[in-house]
């Protein structure tokens, strides 16, 4: 892990925690992403999907919220 001059962590120097199934973008630790139909999807692609389809991803389509802090959290 590399640090900048002020001692803060440089997230771009770390390995990604996951990759988006739609755009192949990098998902870093502490980023939000979603598990939709078994595929990891980044927050940007979820927002684009919601705009195109004019409804929010919710309920049966969104099975789990993928928590990059360390695992999956069930949606209740």
Protein backbone atom coordinates (compact mmCIF):
# COMPACT_ATOMS: atom_id res chain seq x y z
CA UNK A 1 0.00 0.00 0.00
CA UNK A 2 1.38 3.39 -0.97
CA UNK A 3 0.75 6.64 0.85
CA UNK A 4 0.78 10.18 -0.43
CA UNK A 5 2.64 13.08 1.16
CA UNK A 6 -0.03 13.64 3.83
CA UNK A 7 -0.12 9.98 4.88
CA UNK A 8 -3.54 9.17 3.40
CA UNK A 9 -4.10 5.92 1.58
CA UNK A 10 -4.01 6.17 -2.24
CA UNK A 11 -6.89 3.95 -3.34
CA UNK A 12 -5.72 3.92 -6.98
CA UNK A 13 -2.51 2.13 -5.96
CA UNK A 14 -4.44 -0.78 -4.41
CA UNK A 15 -5.77 -3.87 -6.14
CA UNK A 16 -9.50 -3.72 -6.96
CA UNK A 17 -11.81 -5.75 -4.71
CA UNK A 18 -13.98 -6.74 -7.70
CA UNK A 19 -14.83 -5.86 -11.30
CA UNK A 20 -18.20 -4.75 -12.67
CA UNK A 21 -19.87 -7.40 -14.85
CA UNK A 22 -21.34 -4.76 -17.18
CA UNK A 23 -18.61 -2.14 -17.77
CA UNK A 24 -15.62 -4.17 -16.47
CA UNK A 25 -14.77 -1.18 -14.27
CA UNK A 26 -12.76 -1.62 -11.11
CA UNK A 27 -14.57 -1.72 -7.77
CA UNK A 28 -12.31 -0.82 -4.88
CA UNK A 29 -12.68 -1.69 -1.25
CA UNK A 30 -15.23 0.64 0.43
CA UNK A 31 -17.02 1.28 -2.92
CA UNK A 32 -20.66 0.30 -3.21
CA UNK A 33 -21.67 -2.35 -5.68
CA UNK A 34 -24.63 -4.66 -6.16
CA UNK A 35 -25.14 -8.34 -6.86
CA UNK A 36 -27.87 -8.59 -9.49
CA UNK A 37 -28.77 -12.02 -10.85
CA UNK A 38 -25.45 -13.32 -9.55
CA UNK A 39 -23.33 -10.63 -11.22
CA UNK A 40 -21.41 -7.84 -9.49
CA UNK A 41 -22.54 -4.45 -10.79
CA UNK A 42 -21.01 -1.07 -9.93
CA UNK A 43 -23.02 1.86 -8.64
CA UNK A 44 -22.69 3.76 -11.95
CA UNK A 45 -24.14 0.90 -14.02
CA UNK A 46 -27.02 0.45 -11.58
CA UNK A 47 -27.85 4.16 -11.92
CA UNK A 48 -27.71 3.91 -15.75
CA UNK A 49 -29.98 0.84 -15.68
CA UNK A 50 -32.49 2.68 -13.50
CA UNK A 51 -32.50 5.68 -15.88
CA UNK A 52 -33.00 3.50 -18.98
CA UNK A 53 -35.81 1.44 -17.47
CA UNK A 54 -37.41 4.24 -15.45
CA UNK A 55 -37.68 2.26 -12.24
CA UNK A 56 -35.49 1.51 -9.29
CA UNK A 57 -33.68 -1.77 -8.92
CA UNK A 58 -35.28 -3.26 -5.90
CA UNK A 59 -36.95 -6.40 -4.67
CA UNK A 60 -36.53 -9.61 -6.63
CA UNK A 61 -33.95 -8.24 -9.08
CA UNK A 62 -31.59 -7.07 -6.37
CA UNK A 63 -30.76 -10.22 -4.45
CA UNK A 64 -27.92 -8.97 -2.30
CA UNK A 65 -26.00 -5.82 -1.64
CA UNK A 66 -22.32 -6.57 -2.11
CA UNK A 67 -20.41 -5.02 0.75
CA UNK A 68 -16.78 -4.53 -0.28
CA UNK A 69 -15.88 -4.05 3.37
CA UNK A 70 -15.86 -7.81 3.63
CA UNK A 71 -18.81 -9.75 2.31
CA UNK A 72 -22.43 -9.92 1.30
CA UNK A 73 -25.26 -8.37 3.26
CA UNK A 74 -28.80 -9.63 2.73
CA UNK A 75 -31.40 -7.12 1.61
CA UNK A 76 -34.40 -7.22 3.94
